[in-house]
Amino acid sequence: VATSLSKPEELFKSAAEAGLDAVFVIDAWHESHMPLARRYLELCRRHMLDCRLSEQKPAEVYAVELCEAECGEGCAVVTRDYDAVIRAGRCAVLIFRGGKFWRAVRHL
C-alpha cells in the first residue's frame, strides 16, 4: 500500500499517531526491493511500528500467512494485490483502490 502513495511516510506516521495495532510486511524477496525495504524499515523504527521483511515470497502472501497463524478472525490483511484473497481463510482481506478500502471475498 505504501508504494501506491505519493508520501508513503504518512502511512507509517499516521499509523503510529493513531496507535494502530498492525504488522507492516515489507517486500524484500528480490534485490530490487531492497532500497524501498530499507527506507520502510527506517520509517518503522522511527515510529516504533512492528515491521517484518518478507524475504522468501511476496509480501501479500506472507501477510496472509502471518494473519492466519497469529491472529485469524477479527484481523485483516490490507493490500493492493488480489492474490491475498486466494490464500486467506479466516482473515479478512481489504483491497486498497482509489483511496478507499474494499473488502474482497472469494466466491467458490
N, C-alpha and C. Protein backbone atom coordinates (compact mmCIF):
# COMPACT_ATOMS: atom_id res chain seq x y z
N VAL A 1 0.83 -1.19 0.00
CA VAL A 1 0.00 0.00 0.00
C VAL A 1 0.88 1.25 0.00
N ALA A 2 1.97 1.21 0.77
CA ALA A 2 2.83 2.40 0.88
C ALA A 2 3.35 2.86 -0.47
N THR A 3 3.70 1.92 -1.34
CA THR A 3 4.26 2.31 -2.64
C THR A 3 3.25 3.00 -3.53
N SER A 4 1.97 2.85 -3.25
CA SER A 4 0.94 3.50 -4.07
C SER A 4 0.66 4.93 -3.63
N LEU A 5 1.25 5.35 -2.54
CA LEU A 5 1.00 6.68 -2.00
C LEU A 5 2.07 7.67 -2.46
N SER A 6 1.68 8.92 -2.65
CA SER A 6 2.66 9.93 -3.04
C SER A 6 3.62 10.24 -1.89
N LYS A 7 3.16 10.07 -0.66
CA LYS A 7 4.01 10.28 0.52
C LYS A 7 3.87 9.07 1.43
N PRO A 8 4.60 7.98 1.14
CA PRO A 8 4.44 6.76 1.94
C PRO A 8 4.75 6.95 3.42
N GLU A 9 5.60 7.91 3.74
CA GLU A 9 5.92 8.13 5.15
C GLU A 9 4.69 8.50 5.96
N GLU A 10 3.69 9.09 5.32
CA GLU A 10 2.45 9.45 6.02
C GLU A 10 1.71 8.22 6.53
N LEU A 11 1.80 7.11 5.81
CA LEU A 11 1.15 5.87 6.25
C LEU A 11 1.72 5.44 7.60
N PHE A 12 3.03 5.43 7.71
CA PHE A 12 3.68 4.99 8.94
C PHE A 12 3.45 5.99 10.08
N LYS A 13 3.57 7.27 9.77
CA LYS A 13 3.35 8.31 10.77
C LYS A 13 1.92 8.26 11.30
N SER A 14 0.96 8.17 10.40
CA SER A 14 -0.46 8.13 10.80
C SER A 14 -0.78 6.89 11.62
N ALA A 15 -0.21 5.75 11.23
CA ALA A 15 -0.44 4.51 11.98
C ALA A 15 0.08 4.65 13.41
N ALA A 16 1.25 5.25 13.55
CA ALA A 16 1.83 5.43 14.89
C ALA A 16 0.99 6.41 15.71
N GLU A 17 0.59 7.51 15.12
CA GLU A 17 -0.20 8.51 15.83
C GLU A 17 -1.56 7.96 16.26
N ALA A 18 -2.13 7.08 15.45
CA ALA A 18 -3.44 6.51 15.76
C ALA A 18 -3.36 5.34 16.73
N GLY A 19 -2.14 4.88 17.01
CA GLY A 19 -1.98 3.72 17.89
C GLY A 19 -2.47 2.44 17.25
N LEU A 20 -2.37 2.36 15.94
CA LEU A 20 -2.84 1.21 15.18
C LEU A 20 -2.10 -0.06 15.58
N ASP A 21 -2.84 -1.10 15.86
CA ASP A 21 -2.26 -2.40 16.19
C ASP A 21 -2.10 -3.15 14.87
N ALA A 22 -0.91 -3.06 14.29
CA ALA A 22 -0.69 -3.62 12.95
C ALA A 22 0.72 -4.14 12.81
N VAL A 23 0.88 -5.03 11.86
CA VAL A 23 2.19 -5.51 11.44
C VAL A 23 2.33 -5.11 9.98
N PHE A 24 3.37 -4.38 9.67
CA PHE A 24 3.65 -3.99 8.29
C PHE A 24 4.59 -5.01 7.69
N VAL A 25 4.19 -5.61 6.58
CA VAL A 25 5.01 -6.62 5.91
C VAL A 25 5.62 -5.97 4.67
N ILE A 26 6.93 -6.06 4.58
CA ILE A 26 7.68 -5.35 3.54
C ILE A 26 8.34 -6.33 2.59
N ASP A 27 8.12 -6.13 1.29
CA ASP A 27 8.76 -6.97 0.28
C ASP A 27 10.28 -6.83 0.35
N ALA A 28 10.96 -7.97 0.44
CA ALA A 28 12.43 -7.98 0.43
C ALA A 28 12.93 -9.28 -0.17
N TRP A 29 12.13 -9.91 -1.01
CA TRP A 29 12.49 -11.22 -1.57
C TRP A 29 13.29 -11.12 -2.85
N HIS A 30 13.51 -9.90 -3.33
CA HIS A 30 14.34 -9.71 -4.52
C HIS A 30 15.24 -8.50 -4.29
N GLU A 31 16.41 -8.55 -4.88
CA GLU A 31 17.38 -7.46 -4.71
C GLU A 31 16.79 -6.09 -5.07
N SER A 32 15.90 -6.05 -6.05
CA SER A 32 15.30 -4.78 -6.47
C SER A 32 14.41 -4.16 -5.40
N HIS A 33 13.97 -4.95 -4.43
CA HIS A 33 13.12 -4.44 -3.35
C HIS A 33 13.91 -3.74 -2.24
N MET A 34 15.20 -3.99 -2.17
CA MET A 34 15.97 -3.57 -1.01
C MET A 34 16.01 -2.06 -0.76
N PRO A 35 16.14 -1.19 -1.76
CA PRO A 35 16.14 0.25 -1.44
C PRO A 35 14.87 0.69 -0.71
N LEU A 36 13.70 0.28 -1.21
CA LEU A 36 12.45 0.64 -0.53
C LEU A 36 12.32 -0.07 0.81
N ALA A 37 12.75 -1.32 0.87
CA ALA A 37 12.66 -2.07 2.13
C ALA A 37 13.46 -1.36 3.22
N ARG A 38 14.66 -0.91 2.90
CA ARG A 38 15.47 -0.18 3.89
C ARG A 38 14.77 1.10 4.32
N ARG A 39 14.21 1.82 3.36
CA ARG A 39 13.51 3.07 3.67
C ARG A 39 12.32 2.81 4.59
N TYR A 40 11.52 1.79 4.27
CA TYR A 40 10.35 1.49 5.08
C TYR A 40 10.72 0.97 6.46
N LEU A 41 11.77 0.17 6.54
CA LEU A 41 12.23 -0.29 7.86
C LEU A 41 12.66 0.87 8.73
N GLU A 42 13.33 1.84 8.15
CA GLU A 42 13.73 3.03 8.90
C GLU A 42 12.50 3.79 9.39
N LEU A 43 11.48 3.92 8.55
CA LEU A 43 10.25 4.59 8.97
C LEU A 43 9.56 3.81 10.10
N CYS A 44 9.59 2.50 10.02
CA CYS A 44 9.01 1.68 11.09
C CYS A 44 9.76 1.90 12.40
N ARG A 45 11.07 1.89 12.33
CA ARG A 45 11.87 2.11 13.55
C ARG A 45 11.61 3.50 14.13
N ARG A 46 11.58 4.49 13.26
CA ARG A 46 11.37 5.87 13.69
C ARG A 46 10.03 6.01 14.41
N HIS A 47 9.02 5.32 13.93
CA HIS A 47 7.68 5.44 14.50
C HIS A 47 7.32 4.29 15.43
N MET A 48 8.31 3.44 15.73
CA MET A 48 8.15 2.31 16.65
C MET A 48 6.99 1.40 16.24
N LEU A 49 6.98 1.00 14.98
CA LEU A 49 5.96 0.11 14.44
C LEU A 49 6.54 -1.28 14.23
N ASP A 50 5.69 -2.28 14.28
CA ASP A 50 6.09 -3.66 14.04
C ASP A 50 6.14 -3.90 12.53
N CYS A 51 7.34 -4.09 12.00
CA CYS A 51 7.51 -4.36 10.57
C CYS A 51 8.30 -5.65 10.40
N ARG A 52 7.91 -6.41 9.41
CA ARG A 52 8.59 -7.67 9.12
C ARG A 52 8.92 -7.75 7.64
N LEU A 53 10.10 -8.24 7.36
CA LEU A 53 10.53 -8.42 5.98
C LEU A 53 10.01 -9.73 5.43
N SER A 54 9.53 -9.69 4.22
CA SER A 54 9.15 -10.90 3.51
C SER A 54 10.30 -11.22 2.57
N GLU A 55 11.18 -12.11 3.01
CA GLU A 55 12.42 -12.36 2.29
C GLU A 55 12.35 -13.54 1.32
N GLN A 56 11.28 -14.33 1.37
CA GLN A 56 11.22 -15.51 0.51
C GLN A 56 9.99 -15.57 -0.39
N LYS A 57 9.08 -14.63 -0.22
CA LYS A 57 7.85 -14.65 -1.02
C LYS A 57 7.26 -13.25 -1.04
N PRO A 58 6.32 -12.98 -1.94
CA PRO A 58 5.70 -11.66 -1.98
C PRO A 58 5.05 -11.29 -0.63
N ALA A 59 5.09 -10.02 -0.31
CA ALA A 59 4.60 -9.54 0.98
C ALA A 59 3.15 -9.91 1.24
N GLU A 60 2.30 -9.85 0.21
CA GLU A 60 0.88 -10.15 0.45
C GLU A 60 0.67 -11.61 0.84
N VAL A 61 1.50 -12.50 0.32
CA VAL A 61 1.42 -13.92 0.68
C VAL A 61 1.86 -14.11 2.13
N TYR A 62 2.98 -13.51 2.49
CA TYR A 62 3.49 -13.61 3.86
C TYR A 62 2.53 -12.95 4.85
N ALA A 63 1.93 -11.83 4.45
CA ALA A 63 0.98 -11.14 5.33
C ALA A 63 -0.21 -12.03 5.66
N VAL A 64 -0.73 -12.74 4.67
CA VAL A 64 -1.84 -13.65 4.91
C VAL A 64 -1.40 -14.79 5.83
N GLU A 65 -0.22 -15.34 5.59
CA GLU A 65 0.28 -16.41 6.45
C GLU A 65 0.41 -15.94 7.90
N LEU A 66 0.95 -14.74 8.10
CA LEU A 66 1.06 -14.19 9.46
C LEU A 66 -0.30 -13.99 10.08
N CYS A 67 -1.22 -13.42 9.33
CA CYS A 67 -2.56 -13.17 9.84
C CYS A 67 -3.24 -14.48 10.25
N GLU A 68 -3.16 -15.47 9.40
CA GLU A 68 -3.79 -16.76 9.69
C GLU A 68 -3.14 -17.43 10.90
N ALA A 69 -1.83 -17.35 11.02
CA ALA A 69 -1.11 -18.03 12.11
C ALA A 69 -1.19 -17.29 13.44
N GLU A 70 -1.16 -15.96 13.41
CA GLU A 70 -1.04 -15.19 14.64
C GLU A 70 -2.33 -14.53 15.09
N CYS A 71 -3.31 -14.45 14.23
CA CYS A 71 -4.48 -13.67 14.59
C CYS A 71 -5.79 -14.34 14.18
N GLY A 72 -5.97 -14.58 12.89
CA GLY A 72 -7.19 -15.22 12.41
C GLY A 72 -8.37 -14.28 12.33
N GLU A 73 -9.54 -14.77 12.73
CA GLU A 73 -10.75 -13.95 12.66
C GLU A 73 -10.59 -12.71 13.52
N GLY A 74 -11.13 -11.62 13.06
CA GLY A 74 -11.01 -10.36 13.78
C GLY A 74 -9.85 -9.53 13.29
N CYS A 75 -9.05 -10.08 12.38
CA CYS A 75 -7.92 -9.36 11.81
C CYS A 75 -8.08 -9.28 10.30
N ALA A 76 -7.30 -8.40 9.69
CA ALA A 76 -7.39 -8.24 8.23
C ALA A 76 -6.02 -7.98 7.64
N VAL A 77 -5.90 -8.35 6.39
CA VAL A 77 -4.73 -8.03 5.59
C VAL A 77 -5.13 -6.89 4.66
N VAL A 78 -4.35 -5.82 4.66
CA VAL A 78 -4.60 -4.70 3.77
C VAL A 78 -3.55 -4.75 2.67
N THR A 79 -3.99 -4.76 1.43
CA THR A 79 -3.07 -4.92 0.31
C THR A 79 -3.66 -4.29 -0.95
N ARG A 80 -2.86 -4.26 -2.01
CA ARG A 80 -3.36 -3.86 -3.33
C ARG A 80 -3.42 -5.07 -4.25
N ASP A 81 -3.08 -6.23 -3.76
CA ASP A 81 -2.93 -7.43 -4.58
C ASP A 81 -4.02 -8.45 -4.29
N TYR A 82 -4.74 -8.85 -5.31
CA TYR A 82 -5.84 -9.80 -5.14
C TYR A 82 -5.38 -11.21 -4.82
N ASP A 83 -4.09 -11.53 -5.00
CA ASP A 83 -3.59 -12.86 -4.66
C ASP A 83 -3.81 -13.19 -3.18
N ALA A 84 -3.85 -12.17 -2.35
CA ALA A 84 -4.08 -12.40 -0.92
C ALA A 84 -5.44 -13.04 -0.67
N VAL A 85 -6.42 -12.69 -1.47
CA VAL A 85 -7.78 -13.22 -1.29
C VAL A 85 -7.79 -14.73 -1.50
N ILE A 86 -7.04 -15.20 -2.47
CA ILE A 86 -6.98 -16.63 -2.77
C ILE A 86 -6.42 -17.42 -1.60
N ARG A 87 -5.46 -16.85 -0.89
CA ARG A 87 -4.78 -17.56 0.19
C ARG A 87 -5.45 -17.42 1.56
N ALA A 88 -6.30 -16.43 1.71
CA ALA A 88 -6.90 -16.16 3.02
C ALA A 88 -7.99 -17.16 3.36
N GLY A 89 -8.00 -17.58 4.60
CA GLY A 89 -9.05 -18.46 5.10
C GLY A 89 -9.89 -17.73 6.12
N ARG A 90 -9.32 -17.52 7.30
CA ARG A 90 -10.04 -16.87 8.40
C ARG A 90 -9.88 -15.35 8.40
N CYS A 91 -8.81 -14.84 7.83
CA CYS A 91 -8.55 -13.39 7.86
C CYS A 91 -9.28 -12.68 6.73
N ALA A 92 -9.79 -11.51 7.04
CA ALA A 92 -10.39 -10.67 6.00
C ALA A 92 -9.29 -10.05 5.16
N VAL A 93 -9.60 -9.75 3.92
CA VAL A 93 -8.66 -9.07 3.03
C VAL A 93 -9.30 -7.78 2.57
N LEU A 94 -8.61 -6.67 2.83
CA LEU A 94 -9.07 -5.36 2.39
C LEU A 94 -8.17 -4.89 1.26
N ILE A 95 -8.77 -4.57 0.13
CA ILE A 95 -8.03 -4.12 -1.04
C ILE A 95 -8.08 -2.60 -1.09
N PHE A 96 -6.90 -1.99 -1.23
CA PHE A 96 -6.80 -0.53 -1.29
C PHE A 96 -6.82 -0.11 -2.76
N ARG A 97 -7.88 0.58 -3.17
CA ARG A 97 -8.04 1.05 -4.55
C ARG A 97 -8.71 2.41 -4.55
N GLY A 98 -8.17 3.32 -5.31
CA GLY A 98 -8.79 4.64 -5.45
C GLY A 98 -8.95 5.39 -4.15
N GLY A 99 -8.01 5.21 -3.23
CA GLY A 99 -8.07 5.91 -1.96
C GLY A 99 -9.05 5.34 -0.96
N LYS A 100 -9.63 4.17 -1.27
CA LYS A 100 -10.59 3.53 -0.37
C LYS A 100 -10.20 2.08 -0.13
N PHE A 101 -10.73 1.53 0.94
CA PHE A 101 -10.53 0.12 1.26
C PHE A 101 -11.81 -0.64 0.93
N TRP A 102 -11.65 -1.76 0.24
CA TRP A 102 -12.77 -2.61 -0.15
C TRP A 102 -12.52 -4.00 0.38
N ARG A 103 -13.52 -4.60 1.02
CA ARG A 103 -13.35 -5.98 1.48
C ARG A 103 -13.53 -6.92 0.29
N ALA A 104 -12.55 -7.77 0.10
CA ALA A 104 -12.59 -8.72 -1.02
C ALA A 104 -13.02 -10.08 -0.49
N VAL A 105 -13.90 -10.72 -1.23
CA VAL A 105 -14.40 -12.04 -0.83
C VAL A 105 -14.24 -12.98 -2.01
N ARG A 106 -13.75 -14.16 -1.73
CA ARG A 106 -13.59 -15.17 -2.77
C ARG A 106 -14.86 -15.99 -2.85
N HIS A 107 -15.44 -16.05 -4.01
CA HIS A 107 -16.63 -16.87 -4.23
C HIS A 107 -16.20 -18.20 -4.82
N LEU A 108 -16.66 -19.26 -4.21
CA LEU A 108 -16.29 -20.60 -4.69
C LEU A 108 -17.27 -21.12 -5.70
